[in-house]
Amino acid sequence: MFHFNNIILASGSPRRKQLLKQIGIDFTTEISGIDESIEFDLSPERIAKYFAIEKARKISIKFPKELVVGADTIVVCNKKILGKPKNDKESFDMLSMLSGKTHKVITGVSLQCLDKSINRTFHETTKVTFITLSNSYISYYINTYKPFDKAGSYGIQDWFAVCVKKIDGCFYNVMGLPLAKFWKEISKL
């Protein structure tokens, strides 16, 4: 179906790997190691796309004949970007902020292949509403699931699903890759 010898996922995310396998994509992974702690005065959508582009670019330079998929997911609440928490306190603060509110999950995706002059970037936004979280729910989740590798400090695919009141948009986007939009874009290639 695709005219590439190999597709490379520029990520170590187990969730993105799971999602690509789910839709039958054969791929390998290369971790880009891009520093995501840099702050920019850009819209959240542009920030997510920027990091997706940079992740894909770094791997594309090493593998110019391959199609590289870079992705970056961020959580936005009250105009504040919530990245990955560094410790229990940051995790607790993030989940407390999200409690009982609707926030946005934005994933930027970049498809790059240097030899074929492919450089396509897009994003998807999903709105997620949480129930009001008690301190004990938040502490239980942090202590049990250690969500330090997840933007916004939660994984919608694990126990935390019981805390999600409503989703408006792509569920898989919240996991880290908007599958329908990804499939549409990769099919154009």
Protein backbone atom coordinates (compact mmCIF):
# COMPACT_ATOMS: atom_id res chain seq x y z
CA MET A 1 0.00 0.00 0.00
CA PHE A 2 2.76 2.47 0.91
CA HIS A 3 5.82 3.01 -1.25
CA PHE A 4 8.39 2.98 1.51
CA ASN A 5 10.81 0.23 2.47
CA ASN A 6 10.49 1.22 6.08
CA ILE A 7 8.48 3.58 8.24
CA ILE A 8 10.28 4.91 11.29
CA LEU A 9 8.45 6.16 14.35
CA ALA A 10 10.59 8.91 15.90
CA SER A 11 9.35 8.08 19.38
CA GLY A 12 9.76 5.64 22.22
CA SER A 13 6.11 6.01 23.25
CA PRO A 14 4.58 2.61 23.93
CA ARG A 15 1.15 4.07 23.18
CA ARG A 16 2.14 5.31 19.72
CA LYS A 17 3.73 1.94 18.98
CA GLN A 18 0.51 0.20 20.04
CA LEU A 19 -1.61 2.47 17.84
CA LEU A 20 0.53 1.95 14.72
CA LYS A 21 0.42 -1.82 15.26
CA GLN A 22 -3.36 -1.59 15.74
CA ILE A 23 -3.79 -0.22 12.20
CA GLY A 24 -1.36 -2.67 10.62
CA ILE A 25 1.61 -0.37 9.99
CA ASP A 26 5.01 -2.08 9.88
CA PHE A 27 7.59 0.22 11.42
CA THR A 28 10.76 0.49 13.44
CA THR A 29 11.51 3.06 16.13
CA GLU A 30 14.27 5.57 16.63
CA ILE A 31 14.13 7.89 19.61
CA SER A 32 14.91 11.46 18.59
CA GLY A 33 16.03 12.71 22.00
CA ILE A 34 14.69 16.21 21.26
CA ASP A 35 14.62 18.49 24.31
CA GLU A 36 10.92 19.18 24.90
CA SER A 37 11.48 21.52 27.85
CA ILE A 38 12.10 24.56 25.63
CA GLU A 39 9.35 27.16 25.96
CA PHE A 40 8.06 29.22 23.04
CA ASP A 41 5.68 32.11 22.64
CA LEU A 42 3.57 30.21 20.10
CA SER A 43 0.05 28.81 20.06
CA PRO A 44 -0.27 25.31 21.58
CA GLU A 45 -1.03 23.90 18.11
CA ARG A 46 2.17 25.39 16.69
CA ILE A 47 4.21 24.13 19.64
CA ALA A 48 2.93 20.56 19.15
CA LYS A 49 3.69 20.75 15.43
CA TYR A 50 7.12 22.29 16.06
CA PHE A 51 8.23 19.41 18.28
CA ALA A 52 6.74 16.83 15.88
CA ILE A 53 8.71 18.40 13.02
CA GLU A 54 11.94 18.51 15.01
CA LYS A 55 11.62 14.86 16.11
CA ALA A 56 10.99 13.71 12.53
CA ARG A 57 13.73 15.95 11.10
CA LYS A 58 16.40 14.60 13.43
CA ILE A 59 15.65 11.00 12.41
CA SER A 60 15.11 11.87 8.70
CA ILE A 61 18.65 13.20 8.47
CA LYS A 62 19.96 9.80 9.62
CA PHE A 63 17.55 7.82 7.38
CA PRO A 64 16.80 9.98 4.30
CA LYS A 65 15.17 7.18 2.27
CA GLU A 66 12.64 6.25 4.94
CA LEU A 67 9.33 7.81 5.89
CA VAL A 68 9.67 9.20 9.42
CA VAL A 69 6.71 9.87 11.69
CA GLY A 70 7.25 12.44 14.42
CA ALA A 71 4.53 13.26 16.95
CA ASP A 72 4.11 15.42 20.01
CA THR A 73 1.12 15.60 22.35
CA ILE A 74 0.39 18.43 24.75
CA VAL A 75 -2.42 19.16 27.19
CA VAL A 76 -3.81 22.69 27.55
CA CYS A 77 -5.97 23.88 30.45
CA ASN A 78 -6.84 27.53 31.10
CA LYS A 79 -4.32 28.55 28.40
CA LYS A 80 -1.55 26.77 30.32
CA ILE A 81 0.42 23.99 28.62
CA LEU A 82 0.85 20.90 30.76
CA GLY A 83 3.76 18.73 29.70
CA LYS A 84 5.06 15.61 31.40
CA PRO A 85 5.29 15.96 35.18
CA LYS A 86 8.75 15.70 36.72
CA ASN A 87 7.62 14.36 40.11
CA ASP A 88 4.66 13.49 42.35
CA LYS A 89 3.96 17.11 43.26
CA GLU A 90 3.83 18.30 39.63
CA SER A 91 1.61 15.34 38.79
CA PHE A 92 -0.73 16.11 41.69
CA ASP A 93 -0.87 19.81 40.74
CA MET A 94 -1.68 19.01 37.11
CA LEU A 95 -4.45 16.56 37.93
CA SER A 96 -5.89 18.98 40.50
CA MET A 97 -5.95 21.69 37.83
CA LEU A 98 -7.76 19.37 35.38
CA SER A 99 -10.27 18.17 37.98
CA GLY A 100 -13.88 18.89 36.99
CA LYS A 101 -12.82 20.85 33.90
CA THR A 102 -12.62 20.52 30.15
CA HIS A 103 -9.17 20.73 28.60
CA LYS A 104 -7.68 20.30 25.16
CA VAL A 105 -5.30 17.56 24.01
CA ILE A 106 -3.35 18.58 20.92
CA THR A 107 -1.16 16.22 18.93
CA GLY A 108 1.11 17.49 16.19
CA VAL A 109 2.24 14.94 13.60
CA SER A 110 4.99 15.32 11.01
CA LEU A 111 5.60 12.96 8.08
CA GLN A 112 9.02 13.39 6.48
CA CYS A 113 11.10 11.65 3.84
CA LEU A 114 14.07 13.67 2.61
CA ASP A 115 14.73 11.64 -0.57
CA LYS A 116 11.10 12.01 -1.73
CA SER A 117 10.77 15.65 -0.59
CA ILE A 118 7.94 14.77 1.76
CA ASN A 119 7.37 17.21 4.59
CA ARG A 120 3.73 17.15 5.73
CA THR A 121 2.63 18.33 9.17
CA PHE A 122 -0.82 18.46 10.75
CA HIS A 123 -2.47 18.50 14.16
CA GLU A 124 -5.60 17.23 15.86
CA THR A 125 -7.41 18.65 18.89
CA THR A 126 -9.64 16.70 21.28
CA LYS A 127 -11.56 18.14 24.22
CA VAL A 128 -11.62 16.02 27.36
CA THR A 129 -13.78 16.66 30.44
CA PHE A 130 -12.91 15.11 33.82
CA ILE A 131 -15.14 14.39 36.75
CA THR A 132 -14.24 16.22 39.96
CA LEU A 133 -11.27 14.32 41.35
CA SER A 134 -10.80 13.74 45.05
CA ASN A 135 -7.31 14.00 46.51
CA SER A 136 -7.44 10.26 47.23
CA TYR A 137 -8.21 9.46 43.56
CA ILE A 138 -5.32 11.63 42.44
CA SER A 139 -2.89 10.13 44.98
CA TYR A 140 -3.99 6.58 44.16
CA TYR A 141 -3.45 7.18 40.46
CA ILE A 142 -0.03 8.75 40.86
CA ASN A 143 1.20 6.09 43.31
CA THR A 144 -0.14 3.17 41.28
CA TYR A 145 0.38 4.26 37.66
CA LYS A 146 3.35 6.69 37.88
CA PRO A 147 2.13 8.88 34.98
CA PHE A 148 5.40 10.78 34.57
CA ASP A 149 5.77 9.95 30.87
CA LYS A 150 2.37 11.38 29.95
CA ALA A 151 1.42 14.95 29.03
CA GLY A 152 -1.07 16.25 31.56
CA SER A 153 -0.07 13.41 33.91
CA TYR A 154 -2.72 10.89 32.84
CA GLY A 155 -3.32 8.03 30.47
CA ILE A 156 -6.85 7.78 29.13
CA GLN A 157 -6.24 4.11 28.27
CA ASP A 158 -5.47 3.00 31.84
CA TRP A 159 -7.37 3.18 35.16
CA PHE A 160 -7.79 6.92 34.72
CA ALA A 161 -10.52 6.21 32.16
CA VAL A 162 -12.96 6.09 35.11
CA CYS A 163 -12.25 9.81 35.67
CA VAL A 164 -13.19 10.89 32.14
CA LYS A 165 -16.70 12.31 31.96
CA LYS A 166 -16.75 13.23 28.27
CA ILE A 167 -14.61 13.28 25.11
CA ASP A 168 -15.25 15.52 22.13
CA GLY A 169 -13.04 14.41 19.26
CA CYS A 170 -10.60 11.59 18.52
CA PHE A 171 -10.02 9.23 21.45
CA TYR A 172 -6.73 8.00 19.94
CA ASN A 173 -5.46 11.57 19.75
CA VAL A 174 -5.56 11.63 23.55
CA MET A 175 -3.37 8.50 23.54
CA GLY A 176 -0.84 10.25 21.30
CA LEU A 177 -1.75 9.68 17.65
CA PRO A 178 -4.97 10.73 15.87
CA LEU A 179 -5.47 7.53 13.88
CA ALA A 180 -8.18 8.62 11.42
CA LYS A 181 -6.35 11.80 10.45
CA PHE A 182 -3.00 9.99 10.40
CA TRP A 183 -4.39 7.31 8.06
CA LYS A 184 -5.91 9.93 5.78
CA GLU A 185 -2.61 11.84 5.54
CA ILE A 186 -0.37 8.79 5.10
CA SER A 187 -2.72 7.39 2.44
CA LYS A 188 -2.12 10.53 0.34
CA LEU A 189 1.52 9.52 0.08
